[in-house]
Each structure stands twice: as C-alpha cells, then as structure tokens.
Amino acid sequence: MDSIQQTPEPPAIKTTTSGSVARRQLLVLQIGLITTALTLTGVYFIDVWLNWSLMGLYVKYVIPIGALGVGMAAASGYGITSWFTGVKMRKRVMFTVMTLQVVAYFAAQYIQFLAEGPLYDLATNQRIGFFEYFHYMATSFAFSGRNGQAGMPLGMWGYAFRLLEVIGFAGGGMIVPAILMAQPYCESCQLYMKKRTLALLPASVPARKIKSKDSEALAAYELEQKQAFEKGQAQLESIKQLAIEGNAEAFQQCLSALASEQKSIGKLPCRSEIALVSCKGCHSG
C-alpha cells in the first residue's frame, strides 16, 4: 500500500510593509497632536476660569513641575497609540515628538495671543504683535506668595523661566515615549512584548537602623548584606541555568518554593526579578 505523507502548512508569519508602518506612525502623530491640543485647551480654560496658571507651577523656583505634568499629559497620545499600534519608539520618533512639543508650546502661546486680541499699546495706540506680546508676558513673569498675591515682575529674568517652561513641557512629553522605548519589542511581529513577573528572589536582608557610632554592628550588617546578595545571585544563576537547559519541571519547583515568601521578599531593599517576556504574535521571547 502506498503511503501518503501530509506536509504541514508553514506557520503564518506577519509581514509589515513600509507603507503600513508609515500609516501607523502617522496615526501616532495625529493622536498625539489631538491629546496635546485637548490638554492645552484645558490648561487655557483653567487659567481663564480659575485664574490659576497650571504651567506656572514650580518647585524650589527652578523645577517646572506644572509644565512637566502638562507635557506628560499632552504627549500621552503618542505613547498610548504607539503601544496599541505596535509602532516602535525609536530615536527618530522621539525627536519628532520633542519637536512637536516645542512647536505646540509656541502655537498655544500664539492662540492665546489671538484669543486675547486685538491688543493695543496704550502709549502709542498701535496694535501689538505676537513677539511684543510674548516679550511682555515673559518680562511680567512673577511668583505668587503664600498669600496668593503676585510678587515683583522678574523683568528679563522672566525669559529664563519661560525657557524652563519650554524644557519642562518638552521633557514631560518625553516621559511616556521614553518608557515605551525601554520596553521589549518584537521586530518580526512589530508588537510590544508582554512582561509577566514570575517570582522575586531575595538579594539582601531586611533594612535595619544601626547607630553610626556602632562600627562593629555596621560592619556585621554590611557583611550580612554581602552574604545575602551573593546567595541571591547564586540562586538566580541556578534558576537561569534550569531555564537554559529547558528543565521546566525543576524551574517551576524552584518558583513554587518561593511563592510563600513573595510578599516579604518584595519589601527587601535589594531583590532580583524573574519575568517572562514574550510576544503574543509569534510567542518568542
């Protein structure tokens, strides 16, 4: 009897054309610009209705925390859309996002100028242009005291704080894309990989307060920490070797033995994480 051998079909491989990548990148930029516009519109109405400058919030007079937060919210659309569409956050995309953030900042300033206009100089009765308006707003920059009253205008120093606003707004917009840039990515499937923590391994002993004058106790504590770290590293290498050998049963037994200690290990000042990183498309990782 003749035998018939059935050849299995090759696995489907997802291919992504340059055209589809360009369309997805364009979608990322479009959604990012929409969230930027909505965020800046919200900031404008907060400024008008509540008379409170969200962009003008500073910590220690030099950290533009308000601009950082607004920038992060404005650029959230870039990150969210990149995650769902699988667009890899590369340096070129990051540079584009940063450039758009700077452009959006000055566009918002210009729109605010138009919304408040037309403006005229009371001394000359001549119409004020945008650059004159921006100069006036920069040199009129003043911090509010605890009583809510504004202090003296900073004059030309106001430009320094305007620059900090721009840096804060653009820098805040880089936070979400930078987080995505560090995420594992499957180049074959054009997808961000999923990460699932399997277990935590101890790499230190619990933190204890020791008087700085007690040199013997400090030395003993440091030695204890060093020994715990070395033991944790040895345990980690052992589990890694099981994974390399493909010994799934022994690997799972090691993780199961640690299951009851996960909560306490999570409170240690130093610990190692074993995570499963895999692509939902091709299941590689």
C-alpha atoms as a PDB file:
ATOM      1  CA  MET A   1       0.000   0.000   0.000  1.00  0.00           C
ATOM      2  CA  ASP A   2       1.334   3.376  -0.939  1.00  0.00           C
ATOM      3  CA  SER A   3       1.730   5.791   1.934  1.00  0.00           C
ATOM      4  CA  ILE A   4       0.772   9.422   1.623  1.00  0.00           C
ATOM      5  CA  GLN A   5       2.698  11.931   3.680  1.00  0.00           C
ATOM      6  CA  GLN A   6       0.901  15.146   4.542  1.00  0.00           C
ATOM      7  CA  THR A   7       3.187  18.129   4.864  1.00  0.00           C
ATOM      8  CA  PRO A   8       2.022  20.611   7.480  1.00  0.00           C
ATOM      9  CA  GLU A   9       1.490  24.175   6.370  1.00  0.00           C
ATOM     10  CA  PRO A  10       4.253  26.567   7.406  1.00  0.00           C
ATOM     11  CA  PRO A  11       3.364  28.879  10.268  1.00  0.00           C
ATOM     12  CA  ALA A  12       1.958  32.221   9.298  1.00  0.00           C
ATOM     13  CA  ILE A  13       4.479  34.994   9.535  1.00  0.00           C
ATOM     14  CA  LYS A  14       3.287  38.536   9.982  1.00  0.00           C
ATOM     15  CA  THR A  15       4.860  40.858   7.463  1.00  0.00           C
ATOM     16  CA  THR A  16       4.684  44.581   7.728  1.00  0.00           C
ATOM     17  CA  THR A  17       5.185  46.752   4.695  1.00  0.00           C
ATOM     18  CA  SER A  18       6.836  50.122   4.828  1.00  0.00           C
ATOM     19  CA  GLY A  19       3.518  51.668   3.798  1.00  0.00           C
ATOM     20  CA  SER A  20       1.640  50.239   6.783  1.00  0.00           C
ATOM     21  CA  VAL A  21       4.442  51.313   9.138  1.00  0.00           C
ATOM     22  CA  ALA A  22       4.245  54.855   7.753  1.00  0.00           C
ATOM     23  CA  ARG A  23       0.462  54.897   8.213  1.00  0.00           C
ATOM     24  CA  ARG A  24       0.737  53.717  11.799  1.00  0.00           C
ATOM     25  CA  GLN A  25       3.443  56.271  12.534  1.00  0.00           C
ATOM     26  CA  LEU A  26       1.218  58.970  11.069  1.00  0.00           C
ATOM     27  CA  LEU A  27      -1.659  57.787  13.268  1.00  0.00           C
ATOM     28  CA  VAL A  28       0.613  58.032  16.329  1.00  0.00           C
ATOM     29  CA  LEU A  29       1.462  61.635  15.454  1.00  0.00           C
ATOM     30  CA  GLN A  30      -2.180  62.509  14.770  1.00  0.00           C
ATOM     31  CA  ILE A  31      -3.484  61.117  18.059  1.00  0.00           C
ATOM     32  CA  GLY A  32      -0.576  62.708  19.903  1.00  0.00           C
ATOM     33  CA  LEU A  33      -1.400  66.106  18.409  1.00  0.00           C
ATOM     34  CA  ILE A  34      -5.050  65.666  19.392  1.00  0.00           C
ATOM     35  CA  THR A  35      -4.214  64.916  23.037  1.00  0.00           C
ATOM     36  CA  THR A  36      -1.779  67.838  23.000  1.00  0.00           C
ATOM     37  CA  ALA A  37      -4.472  70.190  21.706  1.00  0.00           C
ATOM     38  CA  LEU A  38      -7.039  68.941  24.239  1.00  0.00           C
ATOM     39  CA  THR A  39      -4.564  69.250  27.127  1.00  0.00           C
ATOM     40  CA  LEU A  40      -3.502  72.773  26.218  1.00  0.00           C
ATOM     41  CA  THR A  41      -7.134  73.792  25.747  1.00  0.00           C
ATOM     42  CA  GLY A  42      -7.877  72.517  29.244  1.00  0.00           C
ATOM     43  CA  VAL A  43      -4.883  74.428  30.635  1.00  0.00           C
ATOM     44  CA  TYR A  44      -6.104  77.611  28.940  1.00  0.00           C
ATOM     45  CA  PHE A  45      -9.611  77.359  30.419  1.00  0.00           C
ATOM     46  CA  ILE A  46      -8.190  76.611  33.882  1.00  0.00           C
ATOM     47  CA  ASP A  47      -6.108  79.769  33.541  1.00  0.00           C
ATOM     48  CA  VAL A  48      -9.105  81.842  32.407  1.00  0.00           C
ATOM     49  CA  TRP A  49     -11.843  80.470  34.676  1.00  0.00           C
ATOM     50  CA  LEU A  50      -9.842  79.774  37.841  1.00  0.00           C
ATOM     51  CA  ASN A  51      -7.150  82.423  37.300  1.00  0.00           C
ATOM     52  CA  TRP A  52      -4.587  79.742  38.053  1.00  0.00           C
ATOM     53  CA  SER A  53      -1.565  79.107  35.828  1.00  0.00           C
ATOM     54  CA  LEU A  54      -1.000  75.379  35.791  1.00  0.00           C
ATOM     55  CA  MET A  55       2.086  75.801  33.602  1.00  0.00           C
ATOM     56  CA  GLY A  56       3.475  78.260  36.131  1.00  0.00           C
ATOM     57  CA  LEU A  57       3.810  75.769  38.988  1.00  0.00           C
ATOM     58  CA  TYR A  58       7.405  75.470  40.164  1.00  0.00           C
ATOM     59  CA  VAL A  59       9.154  73.524  42.914  1.00  0.00           C
ATOM     60  CA  LYS A  60      12.029  75.365  44.613  1.00  0.00           C
ATOM     61  CA  TYR A  61      11.618  78.071  41.935  1.00  0.00           C
ATOM     62  CA  VAL A  62      13.588  76.086  39.354  1.00  0.00           C
ATOM     63  CA  ILE A  63      11.718  72.810  38.730  1.00  0.00           C
ATOM     64  CA  PRO A  64       8.795  73.418  36.323  1.00  0.00           C
ATOM     65  CA  ILE A  65       6.597  70.691  37.787  1.00  0.00           C
ATOM     66  CA  GLY A  66       3.476  72.156  36.169  1.00  0.00           C
ATOM     67  CA  ALA A  67       4.996  72.177  32.682  1.00  0.00           C
ATOM     68  CA  LEU A  68       6.326  68.640  33.200  1.00  0.00           C
ATOM     69  CA  GLY A  69       2.885  67.349  34.159  1.00  0.00           C
ATOM     70  CA  VAL A  70       1.123  69.175  31.333  1.00  0.00           C
ATOM     71  CA  GLY A  71       3.730  67.957  28.840  1.00  0.00           C
ATOM     72  CA  MET A  72       3.319  64.374  30.010  1.00  0.00           C
ATOM     73  CA  ALA A  73      -0.484  64.566  29.671  1.00  0.00           C
ATOM     74  CA  ALA A  74      -0.219  66.253  26.275  1.00  0.00           C
ATOM     75  CA  ALA A  75       2.125  63.594  24.874  1.00  0.00           C
ATOM     76  CA  SER A  76       0.207  60.651  26.345  1.00  0.00           C
ATOM     77  CA  GLY A  77      -1.480  60.125  22.986  1.00  0.00           C
ATOM     78  CA  TYR A  78       1.855  59.362  21.320  1.00  0.00           C
ATOM     79  CA  GLY A  79       2.659  56.644  23.854  1.00  0.00           C
ATOM     80  CA  ILE A  80      -0.799  55.075  24.065  1.00  0.00           C
ATOM     81  CA  THR A  81      -1.205  54.906  20.284  1.00  0.00           C
ATOM     82  CA  SER A  82       2.317  53.524  19.855  1.00  0.00           C
ATOM     83  CA  TRP A  83       1.551  50.734  22.322  1.00  0.00           C
ATOM     84  CA  PHE A  84      -1.688  49.677  20.639  1.00  0.00           C
ATOM     85  CA  THR A  85      -0.461  50.038  17.050  1.00  0.00           C
ATOM     86  CA  GLY A  86       2.946  48.468  17.692  1.00  0.00           C
ATOM     87  CA  VAL A  87       4.959  51.447  16.469  1.00  0.00           C
ATOM     88  CA  LYS A  88       8.439  51.170  17.958  1.00  0.00           C
ATOM     89  CA  MET A  89       9.580  54.286  19.788  1.00  0.00           C
ATOM     90  CA  ARG A  90      12.911  54.879  18.097  1.00  0.00           C
ATOM     91  CA  LYS A  91      15.185  57.894  18.384  1.00  0.00           C
ATOM     92  CA  ARG A  92      13.769  59.413  15.208  1.00  0.00           C
ATOM     93  CA  VAL A  93      10.208  59.192  16.525  1.00  0.00           C
ATOM     94  CA  MET A  94      11.324  60.574  19.899  1.00  0.00           C
ATOM     95  CA  PHE A  95      12.968  63.553  18.196  1.00  0.00           C
ATOM     96  CA  THR A  96       9.794  64.180  16.188  1.00  0.00           C
ATOM     97  CA  VAL A  97       7.673  64.104  19.344  1.00  0.00           C
ATOM     98  CA  MET A  98      10.027  66.503  21.123  1.00  0.00           C
ATOM     99  CA  THR A  99       9.958  68.891  18.165  1.00  0.00           C
ATOM    100  CA  LEU A 100       6.161  68.790  18.026  1.00  0.00           C
ATOM    101  CA  GLN A 101       6.016  69.505  21.767  1.00  0.00           C
ATOM    102  CA  VAL A 102       8.108  72.661  21.341  1.00  0.00           C
ATOM    103  CA  VAL A 103       6.031  73.755  18.337  1.00  0.00           C
ATOM    104  CA  ALA A 104       2.814  73.056  20.282  1.00  0.00           C
ATOM    105  CA  TYR A 105       4.009  75.220  23.191  1.00  0.00           C
ATOM    106  CA  PHE A 106       4.551  78.278  20.992  1.00  0.00           C
ATOM    107  CA  ALA A 107       1.392  77.534  18.994  1.00  0.00           C
ATOM    108  CA  ALA A 108      -0.558  77.613  22.260  1.00  0.00           C
ATOM    109  CA  GLN A 109       1.061  80.948  23.122  1.00  0.00           C
ATOM    110  CA  TYR A 110       0.070  82.324  19.717  1.00  0.00           C
ATOM    111  CA  ILE A 111      -3.514  81.071  20.022  1.00  0.00           C
ATOM    112  CA  GLN A 112      -3.748  82.683  23.455  1.00  0.00           C
ATOM    113  CA  PHE A 113      -2.467  85.920  21.910  1.00  0.00           C
ATOM    114  CA  LEU A 114      -5.187  85.760  19.252  1.00  0.00           C
ATOM    115  CA  ALA A 115      -7.861  84.945  21.844  1.00  0.00           C
ATOM    116  CA  GLU A 116      -6.975  87.994  23.935  1.00  0.00           C
ATOM    117  CA  GLY A 117      -6.630  90.359  20.975  1.00  0.00           C
ATOM    118  CA  PRO A 118      -6.587  92.604  19.265  1.00  0.00           C
ATOM    119  CA  LEU A 119      -4.226  94.264  21.733  1.00  0.00           C
ATOM    120  CA  TYR A 120      -3.004  97.851  21.558  1.00  0.00           C
ATOM    121  CA  ASP A 121      -0.218  99.799  23.232  1.00  0.00           C
ATOM    122  CA  LEU A 122      -1.905 102.444  25.388  1.00  0.00           C
ATOM    123  CA  ALA A 123       1.029 104.840  24.953  1.00  0.00           C
ATOM    124  CA  THR A 124       1.219 104.752  21.154  1.00  0.00           C
ATOM    125  CA  ASN A 125      -2.231 103.342  20.342  1.00  0.00           C
ATOM    126  CA  GLN A 126      -0.509 100.924  17.955  1.00  0.00           C
ATOM    127  CA  ARG A 127      -1.513  97.307  17.624  1.00  0.00           C
ATOM    128  CA  ILE A 128       0.755  94.865  19.460  1.00  0.00           C
ATOM    129  CA  GLY A 129       2.244  91.926  17.536  1.00  0.00           C
ATOM    130  CA  PHE A 130       2.868  88.439  18.869  1.00  0.00           C
ATOM    131  CA  PHE A 131       6.555  88.949  19.634  1.00  0.00           C
ATOM    132  CA  GLU A 132       5.805  92.118  21.581  1.00  0.00           C
ATOM    133  CA  TYR A 133       3.073  90.238  23.441  1.00  0.00           C
ATOM    134  CA  PHE A 134       5.413  87.332  24.244  1.00  0.00           C
ATOM    135  CA  HIS A 135       8.085  89.763  25.437  1.00  0.00           C
ATOM    136  CA  TYR A 136       5.597  91.470  27.729  1.00  0.00           C
ATOM    137  CA  MET A 137       4.365  88.143  29.148  1.00  0.00           C
ATOM    138  CA  ALA A 138       7.944  86.954  29.728  1.00  0.00           C
ATOM    139  CA  THR A 139       9.171  90.111  31.428  1.00  0.00           C
ATOM    140  CA  SER A 140       5.986  90.315  33.522  1.00  0.00           C
ATOM    141  CA  PHE A 141       6.602  86.864  34.976  1.00  0.00           C
ATOM    142  CA  ALA A 142       6.220  86.944  38.763  1.00  0.00           C
ATOM    143  CA  PHE A 143       5.863  84.346  41.501  1.00  0.00           C
ATOM    144  CA  SER A 144       2.871  84.369  43.832  1.00  0.00           C
ATOM    145  CA  GLY A 145       3.444  84.332  47.580  1.00  0.00           C
ATOM    146  CA  ARG A 146       1.666  82.148  50.105  1.00  0.00           C
ATOM    147  CA  ASN A 147      -0.986  84.852  50.469  1.00  0.00           C
ATOM    148  CA  GLY A 148      -1.822  84.462  46.799  1.00  0.00           C
ATOM    149  CA  GLN A 149      -0.559  87.903  45.792  1.00  0.00           C
ATOM    150  CA  ALA A 150       1.930  88.215  42.937  1.00  0.00           C
ATOM    151  CA  GLY A 151       5.416  89.479  43.649  1.00  0.00           C
ATOM    152  CA  MET A 152       7.532  91.873  41.623  1.00  0.00           C
ATOM    153  CA  PRO A 153       7.908  91.124  37.887  1.00  0.00           C
ATOM    154  CA  LEU A 154      11.246  89.486  37.091  1.00  0.00           C
ATOM    155  CA  GLY A 155      11.963  91.547  34.000  1.00  0.00           C
ATOM    156  CA  MET A 156      14.393  89.917  31.576  1.00  0.00           C
ATOM    157  CA  TRP A 157      14.897  87.067  34.061  1.00  0.00           C
ATOM    158  CA  GLY A 158      11.376  86.038  33.125  1.00  0.00           C
ATOM    159  CA  TYR A 159      12.784  84.615  29.880  1.00  0.00           C
ATOM    160  CA  ALA A 160      14.756  82.093  31.926  1.00  0.00           C
ATOM    161  CA  PHE A 161      11.548  80.774  33.452  1.00  0.00           C
ATOM    162  CA  ARG A 162       9.819  80.763  30.076  1.00  0.00           C
ATOM    163  CA  LEU A 163      12.721  78.638  28.842  1.00  0.00           C
ATOM    164  CA  LEU A 164      12.252  76.308  31.819  1.00  0.00           C
ATOM    165  CA  GLU A 165       8.574  76.008  30.854  1.00  0.00           C
ATOM    166  CA  VAL A 166       9.504  75.001  27.310  1.00  0.00           C
ATOM    167  CA  ILE A 167      12.081  72.490  28.579  1.00  0.00           C
ATOM    168  CA  GLY A 168       9.610  71.139  31.147  1.00  0.00           C
ATOM    169  CA  PHE A 169       6.797  70.820  28.608  1.00  0.00           C
ATOM    170  CA  ALA A 170       9.015  69.110  26.023  1.00  0.00           C
ATOM    171  CA  GLY A 171      10.748  66.989  28.687  1.00  0.00           C
ATOM    172  CA  GLY A 172       7.434  65.918  30.211  1.00  0.00           C
ATOM    173  CA  GLY A 173       6.349  64.837  26.762  1.00  0.00           C
ATOM    174  CA  MET A 174       9.365  62.533  26.581  1.00  0.00           C
ATOM    175  CA  ILE A 175       8.488  60.548  29.714  1.00  0.00           C
ATOM    176  CA  VAL A 176       5.881  58.178  28.227  1.00  0.00           C
ATOM    177  CA  PRO A 177       7.768  57.638  24.913  1.00  0.00           C
ATOM    178  CA  ALA A 178      11.000  57.009  26.863  1.00  0.00           C
ATOM    179  CA  ILE A 179       9.245  54.356  28.959  1.00  0.00           C
ATOM    180  CA  LEU A 180       7.997  52.704  25.769  1.00  0.00           C
ATOM    181  CA  MET A 181      11.453  52.901  24.205  1.00  0.00           C
ATOM    182  CA  ALA A 182      12.799  50.747  27.032  1.00  0.00           C
ATOM    183  CA  GLN A 183      10.084  48.095  26.649  1.00  0.00           C
ATOM    184  CA  PRO A 184      10.936  44.751  24.962  1.00  0.00           C
ATOM    185  CA  TYR A 185       9.820  44.734  21.343  1.00  0.00           C
ATOM    186  CA  CYS A 186       9.351  42.012  18.726  1.00  0.00           C
ATOM    187  CA  GLU A 187      10.773  43.260  15.457  1.00  0.00           C
ATOM    188  CA  SER A 188       9.260  40.356  13.487  1.00  0.00           C
ATOM    189  CA  CYS A 189       5.673  40.980  14.566  1.00  0.00           C
ATOM    190  CA  GLN A 190       6.015  44.742  15.102  1.00  0.00           C
ATOM    191  CA  LEU A 191       4.493  44.387  18.570  1.00  0.00           C
ATOM    192  CA  TYR A 192       5.465  45.288  22.111  1.00  0.00           C
ATOM    193  CA  MET A 193       6.126  42.183  24.152  1.00  0.00           C
ATOM    194  CA  LYS A 194       4.235  41.346  27.298  1.00  0.00           C
ATOM    195  CA  LYS A 195       6.064  41.067  30.593  1.00  0.00           C
ATOM    196  CA  ARG A 196       4.831  38.933  33.474  1.00  0.00           C
ATOM    197  CA  THR A 197       6.692  38.668  36.754  1.00  0.00           C
ATOM    198  CA  LEU A 198       7.144  35.039  37.765  1.00  0.00           C
ATOM    199  CA  ALA A 199       8.983  35.454  41.060  1.00  0.00           C
ATOM    200  CA  LEU A 200      11.162  37.684  43.191  1.00  0.00           C
ATOM    201  CA  LEU A 201      14.432  36.425  44.651  1.00  0.00           C
ATOM    202  CA  PRO A 202      15.998  37.833  47.838  1.00  0.00           C
ATOM    203  CA  ALA A 203      19.275  39.674  47.357  1.00  0.00           C
ATOM    204  CA  SER A 204      19.624  41.342  50.758  1.00  0.00           C
ATOM    205  CA  VAL A 205      18.472  41.163  54.355  1.00  0.00           C
ATOM    206  CA  PRO A 206      15.745  43.443  55.749  1.00  0.00           C
ATOM    207  CA  ALA A 207      16.800  47.029  56.381  1.00  0.00           C
ATOM    208  CA  ARG A 208      17.707  47.815  59.970  1.00  0.00           C
ATOM    209  CA  LYS A 209      18.550  51.050  61.739  1.00  0.00           C
ATOM    210  CA  ILE A 210      22.027  50.959  63.219  1.00  0.00           C
ATOM    211  CA  LYS A 211      23.706  53.807  65.028  1.00  0.00           C
ATOM    212  CA  SER A 212      26.537  55.322  63.001  1.00  0.00           C
ATOM    213  CA  LYS A 213      28.838  55.180  66.010  1.00  0.00           C
ATOM    214  CA  ASP A 214      28.401  51.416  66.364  1.00  0.00           C
ATOM    215  CA  SER A 215      31.126  50.411  63.914  1.00  0.00           C
ATOM    216  CA  GLU A 216      31.042  46.721  64.828  1.00  0.00           C
ATOM    217  CA  ALA A 217      27.295  46.461  64.222  1.00  0.00           C
ATOM    218  CA  LEU A 218      27.656  48.333  60.920  1.00  0.00           C
ATOM    219  CA  ALA A 219      30.443  46.027  59.758  1.00  0.00           C
ATOM    220  CA  ALA A 220      28.415  42.961  60.717  1.00  0.00           C
ATOM    221  CA  TYR A 221      25.364  44.333  58.911  1.00  0.00           C
ATOM    222  CA  GLU A 222      27.360  45.067  55.742  1.00  0.00           C
ATOM    223  CA  LEU A 223      28.820  41.544  55.829  1.00  0.00           C
ATOM    224  CA  GLU A 224      25.323  40.112  56.255  1.00  0.00           C
ATOM    225  CA  GLN A 225      24.094  42.132  53.287  1.00  0.00           C
ATOM    226  CA  LYS A 226      27.027  40.976  51.156  1.00  0.00           C
ATOM    227  CA  GLN A 227      26.441  37.328  52.003  1.00  0.00           C
ATOM    228  CA  ALA A 228      22.722  37.640  51.284  1.00  0.00           C
ATOM    229  CA  PHE A 229      23.484  39.245  47.918  1.00  0.00           C
ATOM    230  CA  GLU A 230      25.953  36.529  46.938  1.00  0.00           C
ATOM    231  CA  LYS A 231      23.485  33.839  47.990  1.00  0.00           C
ATOM    232  CA  GLY A 232      20.752  35.510  45.955  1.00  0.00           C
ATOM    233  CA  GLN A 233      22.995  35.736  42.899  1.00  0.00           C
ATOM    234  CA  ALA A 234      23.894  32.055  43.186  1.00  0.00           C
ATOM    235  CA  GLN A 235      20.207  31.161  43.431  1.00  0.00           C
ATOM    236  CA  LEU A 236      19.459  33.338  40.410  1.00  0.00           C
ATOM    237  CA  GLU A 237      22.213  31.706  38.336  1.00  0.00           C
ATOM    238  CA  SER A 238      20.907  28.267  39.302  1.00  0.00           C
ATOM    239  CA  ILE A 239      17.383  29.126  38.128  1.00  0.00           C
ATOM    240  CA  LYS A 240      18.743  30.714  34.949  1.00  0.00           C
ATOM    241  CA  GLN A 241      20.640  27.506  34.177  1.00  0.00           C
ATOM    242  CA  LEU A 242      17.449  25.471  34.542  1.00  0.00           C
ATOM    243  CA  ALA A 243      15.765  27.791  32.046  1.00  0.00           C
ATOM    244  CA  ILE A 244      18.656  27.477  29.594  1.00  0.00           C
ATOM    245  CA  GLU A 245      18.527  23.669  29.866  1.00  0.00           C
ATOM    246  CA  GLY A 246      14.761  23.699  29.336  1.00  0.00           C
ATOM    247  CA  ASN A 247      14.121  21.858  32.597  1.00  0.00           C
ATOM    248  CA  ALA A 248      10.605  23.220  33.091  1.00  0.00           C
ATOM    249  CA  GLU A 249       9.687  20.913  35.964  1.00  0.00           C
ATOM    250  CA  ALA A 250      12.673  21.841  38.132  1.00  0.00           C
ATOM    251  CA  PHE A 251      12.281  25.504  37.158  1.00  0.00           C
ATOM    252  CA  GLN A 252       8.648  25.502  38.290  1.00  0.00           C
ATOM    253  CA  GLN A 253       9.543  23.720  41.534  1.00  0.00           C
ATOM    254  CA  CYS A 254      12.063  26.475  42.376  1.00  0.00           C
ATOM    255  CA  LEU A 255       9.463  29.154  41.773  1.00  0.00           C
ATOM    256  CA  SER A 256       6.823  27.282  43.779  1.00  0.00           C
ATOM    257  CA  ALA A 257       9.215  27.065  46.745  1.00  0.00           C
ATOM    258  CA  LEU A 258       9.433  30.866  46.723  1.00  0.00           C
ATOM    259  CA  ALA A 259       5.685  31.501  46.400  1.00  0.00           C
ATOM    260  CA  SER A 260       5.006  31.859  50.133  1.00  0.00           C
ATOM    261  CA  GLU A 261       7.860  34.350  50.561  1.00  0.00           C
ATOM    262  CA  GLN A 262       6.992  36.758  47.739  1.00  0.00           C
ATOM    263  CA  LYS A 263       5.359  39.393  49.958  1.00  0.00           C
ATOM    264  CA  SER A 264       8.305  39.572  52.358  1.00  0.00           C
ATOM    265  CA  ILE A 265      10.860  39.482  49.524  1.00  0.00           C
ATOM    266  CA  GLY A 266       9.077  42.412  47.895  1.00  0.00           C
ATOM    267  CA  LYS A 267       9.851  44.530  50.971  1.00  0.00           C
ATOM    268  CA  LEU A 268      13.590  43.877  50.852  1.00  0.00           C
ATOM    269  CA  PRO A 269      15.834  46.796  49.804  1.00  0.00           C
ATOM    270  CA  CYS A 270      17.518  44.609  47.170  1.00  0.00           C
ATOM    271  CA  ARG A 271      15.871  41.813  45.185  1.00  0.00           C
ATOM    272  CA  SER A 272      16.009  40.121  41.796  1.00  0.00           C
ATOM    273  CA  GLU A 273      13.055  39.710  39.478  1.00  0.00           C
ATOM    274  CA  ILE A 274      12.383  36.729  37.235  1.00  0.00           C
ATOM    275  CA  ALA A 275       9.975  37.728  34.476  1.00  0.00           C
ATOM    276  CA  LEU A 276       8.562  36.090  31.399  1.00  0.00           C
ATOM    277  CA  VAL A 277       8.836  38.347  28.353  1.00  0.00           C
ATOM    278  CA  SER A 278       7.028  37.067  25.275  1.00  0.00           C
ATOM    279  CA  CYS A 279       5.406  38.198  22.052  1.00  0.00           C
ATOM    280  CA  LYS A 280       1.697  37.478  21.744  1.00  0.00           C
ATOM    281  CA  GLY A 281       2.119  37.210  17.959  1.00  0.00           C
ATOM    282  CA  CYS A 282       4.883  34.632  17.494  1.00  0.00           C
ATOM    283  CA  HIS A 283       5.288  33.601  21.166  1.00  0.00           C
ATOM    284  CA  SER A 284       9.022  34.225  21.041  1.00  0.00           C
ATOM    285  CA  GLY A 285      10.803  35.847  23.961  1.00  0.00           C
END
